[in-house]
């Protein structure tokens, strides 16, 4: 009987965990945003072009150490600005922008069923023009950025390992 109750509890835990496919941003994190001028097609396309142009830099900034991530961000701000200039020039897009690393305001956000509170957070923010459009955002540290949603993610749970050990 104890094994049956244990089995039911484990199955319920697996089902509940499986339904909550989300990422929780820890207190010590570095966020990242690219905010377009507006939600016009042209502005959104430029936001996406900027994102694609600096993806390799953002990937390089990711680290297992928050201090290393901070150092890499500071070292790469000039390169990010040069890349944005190149994108704007090659697309004849005449818009001011700013790249700011520090404490920046973030709006309330709900992502995959998780509410992230409005607040001031350590972050790298690219603001284009009036910065009134819907933003691209992710987390640089810990690295939760540029996750390909189409890619299959494999999770390993101690509960499942225990279950397999118990019933094998």
N, C-alpha and C. Protein backbone atom coordinates (compact mmCIF):
# COMPACT_ATOMS: atom_id res chain seq x y z
N UNK A 1 0.82 -1.20 0.00
CA UNK A 1 0.00 0.00 0.00
C UNK A 1 0.86 1.27 0.00
N UNK A 2 1.98 1.25 0.77
CA UNK A 2 2.85 2.40 0.82
C UNK A 2 3.45 2.69 -0.56
N UNK A 3 3.79 1.64 -1.29
CA UNK A 3 4.35 1.83 -2.62
C UNK A 3 3.32 2.46 -3.55
N UNK A 4 2.05 2.07 -3.44
CA UNK A 4 1.00 2.63 -4.28
C UNK A 4 0.81 4.13 -3.97
N UNK A 5 0.78 4.48 -2.71
CA UNK A 5 0.63 5.89 -2.32
C UNK A 5 1.84 6.69 -2.80
N UNK A 6 3.03 6.14 -2.62
CA UNK A 6 4.25 6.80 -3.09
C UNK A 6 4.21 6.99 -4.60
N UNK A 7 3.75 5.97 -5.31
CA UNK A 7 3.65 6.02 -6.77
C UNK A 7 2.69 7.13 -7.19
N UNK A 8 1.53 7.22 -6.56
CA UNK A 8 0.53 8.23 -6.90
C UNK A 8 1.08 9.64 -6.64
N UNK A 9 1.75 9.83 -5.51
CA UNK A 9 2.32 11.14 -5.19
C UNK A 9 3.37 11.52 -6.22
N UNK A 10 4.21 10.59 -6.59
CA UNK A 10 5.27 10.87 -7.58
C UNK A 10 4.66 11.21 -8.93
N UNK A 11 3.65 10.46 -9.35
CA UNK A 11 3.00 10.74 -10.63
C UNK A 11 2.36 12.12 -10.61
N UNK A 12 1.69 12.47 -9.53
CA UNK A 12 1.09 13.80 -9.42
C UNK A 12 2.15 14.90 -9.47
N UNK A 13 3.27 14.70 -8.82
CA UNK A 13 4.35 15.68 -8.85
C UNK A 13 4.89 15.84 -10.28
N UNK A 14 5.06 14.74 -10.97
CA UNK A 14 5.58 14.79 -12.34
C UNK A 14 4.60 15.54 -13.24
N UNK A 15 3.32 15.26 -13.09
CA UNK A 15 2.30 15.94 -13.90
C UNK A 15 2.30 17.43 -13.60
N UNK A 16 2.34 17.81 -12.34
CA UNK A 16 2.33 19.22 -11.97
C UNK A 16 3.59 19.93 -12.44
N UNK A 17 4.74 19.30 -12.30
CA UNK A 17 6.00 19.90 -12.75
C UNK A 17 5.99 20.04 -14.26
N UNK A 18 5.50 19.04 -14.95
CA UNK A 18 5.47 19.06 -16.42
C UNK A 18 4.61 20.17 -16.98
N UNK A 19 3.56 20.56 -16.27
CA UNK A 19 2.68 21.62 -16.75
C UNK A 19 3.30 23.00 -16.58
N UNK A 20 4.24 23.12 -15.67
CA UNK A 20 4.85 24.42 -15.39
C UNK A 20 6.20 24.54 -16.10
N UNK A 21 6.16 24.71 -17.41
CA UNK A 21 7.38 24.84 -18.20
C UNK A 21 7.75 26.32 -18.28
N UNK A 22 8.44 26.81 -17.24
CA UNK A 22 8.81 28.21 -17.21
C UNK A 22 10.17 28.40 -16.55
N UNK A 23 10.67 29.59 -16.69
CA UNK A 23 11.95 29.95 -16.09
C UNK A 23 11.70 31.03 -15.07
N UNK A 24 12.31 30.91 -13.92
CA UNK A 24 12.17 31.92 -12.89
C UNK A 24 13.47 32.72 -12.86
N UNK A 25 13.34 34.03 -12.95
CA UNK A 25 14.51 34.89 -12.92
C UNK A 25 14.93 35.06 -11.46
N UNK A 26 16.16 34.69 -11.13
CA UNK A 26 16.60 34.83 -9.74
C UNK A 26 16.82 36.29 -9.38
N UNK A 27 16.95 36.56 -8.08
CA UNK A 27 17.17 37.93 -7.62
C UNK A 27 18.45 38.52 -8.19
N UNK A 28 19.51 37.72 -8.25
CA UNK A 28 20.77 38.20 -8.80
C UNK A 28 20.80 37.83 -10.28
N UNK A 29 20.42 38.79 -11.13
CA UNK A 29 20.33 38.53 -12.56
C UNK A 29 20.67 39.81 -13.32
N UNK A 30 21.04 39.62 -14.57
CA UNK A 30 21.24 40.75 -15.48
C UNK A 30 20.27 40.55 -16.63
N UNK A 31 19.35 41.46 -16.77
CA UNK A 31 18.34 41.38 -17.82
C UNK A 31 18.82 42.11 -19.07
N UNK A 32 18.10 41.87 -20.16
CA UNK A 32 18.45 42.49 -21.44
C UNK A 32 17.17 42.83 -22.18
N UNK A 33 17.13 44.05 -22.75
CA UNK A 33 15.96 44.47 -23.54
C UNK A 33 16.42 45.22 -24.77
N UNK A 34 15.65 45.05 -25.84
CA UNK A 34 15.76 45.91 -27.01
C UNK A 34 14.35 46.47 -27.22
N UNK A 35 14.23 47.78 -27.11
CA UNK A 35 12.92 48.42 -27.20
C UNK A 35 12.86 49.23 -28.50
N UNK A 36 11.96 48.87 -29.42
CA UNK A 36 11.88 49.62 -30.67
C UNK A 36 11.18 50.96 -30.48
N UNK A 37 11.34 51.83 -31.46
CA UNK A 37 10.70 53.14 -31.44
C UNK A 37 9.19 53.01 -31.25
N UNK A 38 8.58 52.09 -32.01
CA UNK A 38 7.13 51.90 -31.95
C UNK A 38 6.83 50.46 -32.37
N UNK A 39 5.56 50.15 -32.53
CA UNK A 39 5.17 48.83 -33.03
C UNK A 39 4.88 48.83 -34.52
N UNK A 40 5.32 49.87 -35.22
CA UNK A 40 5.15 49.87 -36.68
C UNK A 40 5.99 48.74 -37.26
N UNK A 41 5.61 48.27 -38.42
CA UNK A 41 6.33 47.18 -39.06
C UNK A 41 7.80 47.52 -39.22
N UNK A 42 8.09 48.72 -39.70
CA UNK A 42 9.48 49.13 -39.92
C UNK A 42 10.28 49.10 -38.62
N UNK A 43 9.72 49.65 -37.55
CA UNK A 43 10.42 49.70 -36.27
C UNK A 43 10.63 48.30 -35.68
N UNK A 44 9.63 47.44 -35.79
CA UNK A 44 9.76 46.08 -35.27
C UNK A 44 10.80 45.29 -36.07
N UNK A 45 10.80 45.47 -37.38
CA UNK A 45 11.80 44.81 -38.22
C UNK A 45 13.20 45.27 -37.82
N UNK A 46 13.37 46.55 -37.55
CA UNK A 46 14.68 47.05 -37.14
C UNK A 46 15.08 46.49 -35.78
N UNK A 47 14.14 46.37 -34.88
CA UNK A 47 14.44 45.75 -33.58
C UNK A 47 14.97 44.34 -33.80
N UNK A 48 14.30 43.58 -34.67
CA UNK A 48 14.72 42.21 -34.94
C UNK A 48 16.08 42.16 -35.63
N UNK A 49 16.34 43.12 -36.52
CA UNK A 49 17.66 43.16 -37.19
C UNK A 49 18.76 43.49 -36.19
N UNK A 50 18.49 44.40 -35.28
CA UNK A 50 19.47 44.72 -34.23
C UNK A 50 19.71 43.48 -33.38
N UNK A 51 18.64 42.82 -32.99
CA UNK A 51 18.78 41.60 -32.18
C UNK A 51 19.66 40.58 -32.89
N UNK A 52 19.40 40.34 -34.16
CA UNK A 52 20.18 39.35 -34.92
C UNK A 52 21.64 39.80 -35.07
N UNK A 53 21.85 41.09 -35.25
CA UNK A 53 23.20 41.60 -35.46
C UNK A 53 24.07 41.49 -34.20
N UNK A 54 23.45 41.57 -33.03
CA UNK A 54 24.25 41.52 -31.81
C UNK A 54 24.14 40.19 -31.07
N UNK A 55 23.46 39.21 -31.66
CA UNK A 55 23.28 37.91 -31.00
C UNK A 55 24.62 37.28 -30.60
N UNK A 56 25.61 37.34 -31.48
CA UNK A 56 26.89 36.72 -31.15
C UNK A 56 27.55 37.43 -29.97
N UNK A 57 27.39 38.73 -29.86
CA UNK A 57 27.95 39.47 -28.73
C UNK A 57 27.24 39.06 -27.45
N UNK A 58 25.91 39.00 -27.52
CA UNK A 58 25.11 38.63 -26.36
C UNK A 58 25.46 37.21 -25.92
N UNK A 59 25.63 36.31 -26.88
CA UNK A 59 26.02 34.94 -26.55
C UNK A 59 27.37 34.92 -25.84
N UNK A 60 28.29 35.79 -26.25
CA UNK A 60 29.62 35.85 -25.65
C UNK A 60 29.58 36.42 -24.23
N UNK A 61 28.61 37.26 -23.95
CA UNK A 61 28.48 37.89 -22.63
C UNK A 61 28.03 36.88 -21.58
N UNK A 62 27.30 35.87 -21.99
CA UNK A 62 26.79 34.88 -21.05
C UNK A 62 27.94 34.17 -20.36
N UNK A 63 27.78 33.96 -19.06
CA UNK A 63 28.82 33.33 -18.26
C UNK A 63 28.17 32.67 -17.05
N UNK A 64 28.91 31.79 -16.41
CA UNK A 64 28.43 31.18 -15.17
C UNK A 64 28.69 32.08 -13.97
N UNK A 65 29.36 33.19 -14.22
CA UNK A 65 29.70 34.13 -13.15
C UNK A 65 29.09 35.50 -13.47
N UNK A 66 28.36 36.06 -12.52
CA UNK A 66 27.75 37.37 -12.75
C UNK A 66 28.82 38.44 -12.93
N UNK A 67 29.93 38.33 -12.20
CA UNK A 67 31.00 39.32 -12.35
C UNK A 67 31.62 39.25 -13.73
N UNK A 68 31.80 38.04 -14.25
CA UNK A 68 32.35 37.87 -15.60
C UNK A 68 31.37 38.43 -16.63
N UNK A 69 30.07 38.20 -16.44
CA UNK A 69 29.07 38.76 -17.36
C UNK A 69 29.11 40.28 -17.34
N UNK A 70 29.20 40.87 -16.17
CA UNK A 70 29.28 42.34 -16.05
C UNK A 70 30.50 42.87 -16.81
N UNK A 71 31.62 42.24 -16.60
CA UNK A 71 32.87 42.65 -17.25
C UNK A 71 32.72 42.58 -18.77
N UNK A 72 32.15 41.48 -19.26
CA UNK A 72 32.00 41.30 -20.70
C UNK A 72 31.02 42.31 -21.30
N UNK A 73 29.97 42.63 -20.57
CA UNK A 73 29.01 43.63 -21.06
C UNK A 73 29.72 44.97 -21.24
N UNK A 74 30.42 45.41 -20.20
CA UNK A 74 31.11 46.70 -20.26
C UNK A 74 32.12 46.72 -21.40
N UNK A 75 32.86 45.63 -21.57
CA UNK A 75 33.86 45.54 -22.64
C UNK A 75 33.25 45.59 -24.03
N UNK A 76 31.99 45.20 -24.17
CA UNK A 76 31.37 45.07 -25.49
C UNK A 76 30.38 46.16 -25.85
N UNK A 77 30.15 47.14 -25.01
CA UNK A 77 29.18 48.20 -25.32
C UNK A 77 29.55 48.93 -26.60
N UNK A 78 30.82 49.28 -26.77
CA UNK A 78 31.24 49.97 -28.01
C UNK A 78 30.97 49.11 -29.24
N UNK A 79 31.25 47.82 -29.15
CA UNK A 79 31.00 46.92 -30.27
C UNK A 79 29.51 46.82 -30.57
N UNK A 80 28.69 46.76 -29.56
CA UNK A 80 27.23 46.74 -29.75
C UNK A 80 26.80 48.01 -30.48
N UNK A 81 27.30 49.16 -30.05
CA UNK A 81 26.93 50.43 -30.70
C UNK A 81 27.39 50.45 -32.16
N UNK A 82 28.59 49.95 -32.44
CA UNK A 82 29.06 49.91 -33.84
C UNK A 82 28.17 49.01 -34.69
N UNK A 83 27.76 47.90 -34.14
CA UNK A 83 26.89 46.99 -34.88
C UNK A 83 25.52 47.62 -35.14
N UNK A 84 24.98 48.31 -34.15
CA UNK A 84 23.69 48.99 -34.35
C UNK A 84 23.83 50.05 -35.42
N UNK A 85 24.91 50.83 -35.36
CA UNK A 85 25.16 51.85 -36.40
C UNK A 85 25.19 51.20 -37.78
N UNK A 86 25.86 50.08 -37.89
CA UNK A 86 25.96 49.39 -39.18
C UNK A 86 24.58 48.95 -39.69
N UNK A 87 23.77 48.40 -38.80
CA UNK A 87 22.41 47.97 -39.18
C UNK A 87 21.59 49.17 -39.63
N UNK A 88 21.64 50.24 -38.87
CA UNK A 88 20.86 51.43 -39.21
C UNK A 88 21.31 52.00 -40.55
N UNK A 89 22.62 52.13 -40.74
CA UNK A 89 23.15 52.68 -41.99
C UNK A 89 22.78 51.81 -43.19
N UNK A 90 22.95 50.51 -43.07
CA UNK A 90 22.66 49.62 -44.21
C UNK A 90 21.18 49.55 -44.54
N UNK A 91 20.33 49.97 -43.61
CA UNK A 91 18.88 49.96 -43.85
C UNK A 91 18.30 51.37 -43.98
N UNK A 92 19.18 52.37 -44.07
CA UNK A 92 18.78 53.76 -44.18
C UNK A 92 17.71 54.11 -43.13
N UNK A 93 18.00 53.71 -41.91
CA UNK A 93 17.10 53.91 -40.78
C UNK A 93 17.67 55.02 -39.93
N UNK A 94 17.06 56.17 -39.98
CA UNK A 94 17.57 57.34 -39.28
C UNK A 94 16.82 57.52 -37.96
N UNK A 95 17.38 56.90 -36.95
CA UNK A 95 16.74 56.95 -35.64
C UNK A 95 17.84 56.99 -34.58
N UNK A 96 17.63 57.78 -33.56
CA UNK A 96 18.57 57.79 -32.44
C UNK A 96 18.36 56.52 -31.62
N UNK A 97 19.37 56.16 -30.87
CA UNK A 97 19.25 55.01 -29.97
C UNK A 97 20.21 55.23 -28.81
N UNK A 98 20.01 54.45 -27.77
CA UNK A 98 20.97 54.46 -26.65
C UNK A 98 21.19 53.03 -26.18
N UNK A 99 22.39 52.79 -25.70
CA UNK A 99 22.73 51.51 -25.09
C UNK A 99 23.11 51.83 -23.65
N UNK A 100 22.35 51.32 -22.71
CA UNK A 100 22.56 51.65 -21.31
C UNK A 100 22.72 50.38 -20.49
N UNK A 101 23.84 50.29 -19.80
CA UNK A 101 24.05 49.20 -18.85
C UNK A 101 24.04 49.80 -17.45
N UNK A 102 23.19 49.27 -16.61
CA UNK A 102 23.09 49.76 -15.24
C UNK A 102 21.77 49.33 -14.64
N UNK A 103 21.23 50.16 -13.79
CA UNK A 103 19.93 49.89 -13.18
C UNK A 103 18.88 50.59 -14.04
N UNK A 104 17.99 49.78 -14.62
CA UNK A 104 16.96 50.30 -15.53
C UNK A 104 15.59 49.82 -15.07
N UNK A 105 14.59 50.62 -15.40
CA UNK A 105 13.21 50.28 -15.05
C UNK A 105 12.66 49.25 -16.04
N UNK A 106 12.01 48.23 -15.49
CA UNK A 106 11.34 47.22 -16.29
C UNK A 106 9.87 47.22 -15.94
N UNK A 107 9.00 47.10 -16.94
CA UNK A 107 7.57 47.02 -16.66
C UNK A 107 7.19 45.63 -16.15
N UNK A 108 5.99 45.52 -15.62
CA UNK A 108 5.46 44.21 -15.23
C UNK A 108 5.38 43.36 -16.48
N UNK A 109 5.68 42.09 -16.36
CA UNK A 109 5.67 41.19 -17.52
C UNK A 109 5.12 39.86 -17.08
N UNK A 110 4.27 39.26 -17.91
CA UNK A 110 3.81 37.89 -17.70
C UNK A 110 4.35 37.08 -18.86
N UNK A 111 5.13 36.07 -18.53
CA UNK A 111 5.76 35.23 -19.56
C UNK A 111 5.59 33.78 -19.16
N UNK A 112 4.94 33.02 -20.04
CA UNK A 112 4.69 31.59 -19.81
C UNK A 112 4.03 31.35 -18.45
N UNK A 113 3.08 32.21 -18.13
CA UNK A 113 2.30 32.04 -16.91
C UNK A 113 2.97 32.55 -15.64
N UNK A 114 4.16 33.11 -15.76
CA UNK A 114 4.86 33.62 -14.59
C UNK A 114 4.85 35.14 -14.64
N UNK A 115 4.49 35.77 -13.52
CA UNK A 115 4.46 37.23 -13.44
C UNK A 115 5.81 37.72 -12.92
N UNK A 116 6.40 38.64 -13.67
CA UNK A 116 7.63 39.29 -13.25
C UNK A 116 7.27 40.72 -12.87
N UNK A 117 7.61 41.11 -11.67
CA UNK A 117 7.20 42.41 -11.14
C UNK A 117 7.92 43.57 -11.81
N UNK A 118 7.21 44.68 -11.89
CA UNK A 118 7.81 45.93 -12.34
C UNK A 118 8.88 46.31 -11.32
N UNK A 119 9.94 46.92 -11.81
CA UNK A 119 10.96 47.35 -10.87
C UNK A 119 12.22 47.81 -11.54
N UNK A 120 13.19 48.14 -10.74
CA UNK A 120 14.50 48.58 -11.19
C UNK A 120 15.43 47.38 -11.12
N UNK A 121 16.04 47.03 -12.26
CA UNK A 121 16.88 45.84 -12.32
C UNK A 121 18.18 46.13 -13.05
N UNK A 122 19.23 45.43 -12.64
CA UNK A 122 20.49 45.49 -13.37
C UNK A 122 20.23 44.94 -14.77
N UNK A 123 20.62 45.73 -15.77
CA UNK A 123 20.27 45.31 -17.13
C UNK A 123 21.06 46.06 -18.18
N UNK A 124 21.05 45.48 -19.37
CA UNK A 124 21.56 46.11 -20.58
C UNK A 124 20.34 46.41 -21.42
N UNK A 125 20.13 47.69 -21.73
CA UNK A 125 18.93 48.09 -22.46
C UNK A 125 19.32 48.89 -23.71
N UNK A 126 18.81 48.43 -24.85
CA UNK A 126 18.96 49.16 -26.11
C UNK A 126 17.61 49.82 -26.37
N UNK A 127 17.58 51.15 -26.35
CA UNK A 127 16.35 51.91 -26.59
C UNK A 127 16.48 52.61 -27.94
N UNK A 128 15.53 52.35 -28.82
CA UNK A 128 15.55 52.93 -30.17
C UNK A 128 14.47 54.00 -30.26
N UNK A 129 14.88 55.21 -30.68
CA UNK A 129 13.92 56.31 -30.83
C UNK A 129 13.20 56.61 -29.54
N UNK A 130 11.87 56.66 -29.61
CA UNK A 130 11.05 56.96 -28.44
C UNK A 130 10.87 55.75 -27.52
N UNK A 131 11.32 54.58 -27.97
CA UNK A 131 11.25 53.34 -27.16
C UNK A 131 9.84 53.09 -26.64
N UNK A 132 8.87 53.14 -27.56
CA UNK A 132 7.46 52.95 -27.18
C UNK A 132 6.89 51.61 -27.68
N UNK A 133 7.70 50.80 -28.36
CA UNK A 133 7.21 49.54 -28.91
C UNK A 133 7.38 48.38 -27.95
N UNK A 134 6.86 47.24 -28.38
CA UNK A 134 7.00 46.01 -27.60
C UNK A 134 8.45 45.55 -27.68
N UNK A 135 9.00 45.22 -26.54
CA UNK A 135 10.42 44.92 -26.48
C UNK A 135 10.73 43.45 -26.59
N UNK A 136 11.96 43.18 -27.05
CA UNK A 136 12.55 41.85 -26.93
C UNK A 136 13.25 41.86 -25.59
N UNK A 137 13.15 40.76 -24.84
CA UNK A 137 13.85 40.71 -23.57
C UNK A 137 14.27 39.30 -23.25
N UNK A 138 15.27 39.21 -22.45
CA UNK A 138 15.74 37.92 -21.95
C UNK A 138 16.66 38.18 -20.76
N UNK A 139 17.33 37.16 -20.31
CA UNK A 139 18.21 37.28 -19.16
C UNK A 139 19.62 36.87 -19.58
N UNK A 140 20.57 37.77 -19.36
CA UNK A 140 21.97 37.49 -19.70
C UNK A 140 22.66 36.65 -18.63
N UNK A 141 22.34 36.94 -17.37
CA UNK A 141 22.87 36.13 -16.28
C UNK A 141 21.76 35.90 -15.29
N UNK A 142 21.49 34.66 -14.90
CA UNK A 142 22.03 33.45 -15.50
C UNK A 142 21.56 33.35 -16.94
N UNK A 143 22.31 32.68 -17.80
CA UNK A 143 22.00 32.70 -19.23
C UNK A 143 20.68 32.00 -19.57
N UNK A 144 19.63 32.81 -19.77
CA UNK A 144 18.32 32.32 -20.20
C UNK A 144 17.92 33.03 -21.48
N UNK A 145 18.91 33.45 -22.24
CA UNK A 145 18.68 34.29 -23.40
C UNK A 145 18.72 33.47 -24.69
N UNK A 146 17.98 33.94 -25.69
CA UNK A 146 18.03 33.37 -27.03
C UNK A 146 17.71 31.88 -27.03
N UNK A 147 16.78 31.47 -26.18
CA UNK A 147 16.39 30.07 -26.15
C UNK A 147 15.52 29.79 -27.35
N UNK A 148 15.89 28.79 -28.11
CA UNK A 148 15.14 28.40 -29.29
C UNK A 148 13.97 27.54 -28.85
N UNK A 149 12.76 28.12 -28.92
CA UNK A 149 11.56 27.42 -28.46
C UNK A 149 11.30 26.12 -29.22
N UNK A 150 11.80 26.02 -30.45
CA UNK A 150 11.56 24.82 -31.24
C UNK A 150 12.50 23.69 -30.83
N UNK A 151 13.56 24.03 -30.12
CA UNK A 151 14.54 23.04 -29.70
C UNK A 151 13.97 22.25 -28.54
N UNK A 152 14.12 20.94 -28.57
CA UNK A 152 13.62 20.12 -27.48
C UNK A 152 14.54 20.26 -26.28
N UNK A 153 13.95 20.56 -25.14
CA UNK A 153 14.70 20.68 -23.91
C UNK A 153 14.48 19.41 -23.11
N UNK A 154 15.56 18.81 -22.63
CA UNK A 154 15.44 17.59 -21.84
C UNK A 154 15.67 17.93 -20.38
N UNK A 155 14.70 17.54 -19.55
CA UNK A 155 14.79 17.79 -18.13
C UNK A 155 15.10 16.50 -17.41
N UNK A 156 15.82 16.62 -16.33
CA UNK A 156 16.16 15.47 -15.52
C UNK A 156 15.70 15.79 -14.11
N UNK A 157 14.84 14.93 -13.54
CA UNK A 157 14.28 15.18 -12.23
C UNK A 157 14.76 14.11 -11.26
N UNK A 158 15.16 14.54 -10.08
CA UNK A 158 15.56 13.60 -9.03
C UNK A 158 14.40 12.68 -8.66
N UNK A 159 13.18 13.21 -8.69
CA UNK A 159 12.01 12.42 -8.35
C UNK A 159 11.87 11.23 -9.30
N UNK A 160 12.07 11.49 -10.59
CA UNK A 160 11.96 10.40 -11.58
C UNK A 160 13.08 9.40 -11.37
N UNK A 161 14.29 9.88 -11.10
CA UNK A 161 15.40 8.96 -10.84
C UNK A 161 15.10 8.10 -9.62
N UNK A 162 14.57 8.70 -8.55
CA UNK A 162 14.20 7.97 -7.35
C UNK A 162 13.11 6.96 -7.65
N UNK A 163 12.12 7.39 -8.44
CA UNK A 163 11.02 6.50 -8.83
C UNK A 163 11.56 5.29 -9.60
N UNK A 164 12.43 5.55 -10.57
CA UNK A 164 13.01 4.45 -11.35
C UNK A 164 13.82 3.50 -10.48
N UNK A 165 14.56 4.05 -9.53
CA UNK A 165 15.37 3.23 -8.63
C UNK A 165 14.46 2.40 -7.72
N UNK A 166 13.38 3.03 -7.25
CA UNK A 166 12.47 2.36 -6.32
C UNK A 166 11.72 1.21 -6.98
N UNK A 167 11.34 1.38 -8.25
CA UNK A 167 10.51 0.37 -8.91
C UNK A 167 11.23 -0.44 -9.98
N UNK A 168 12.54 -0.40 -10.02
CA UNK A 168 13.26 -1.22 -11.01
C UNK A 168 13.83 -2.46 -10.41
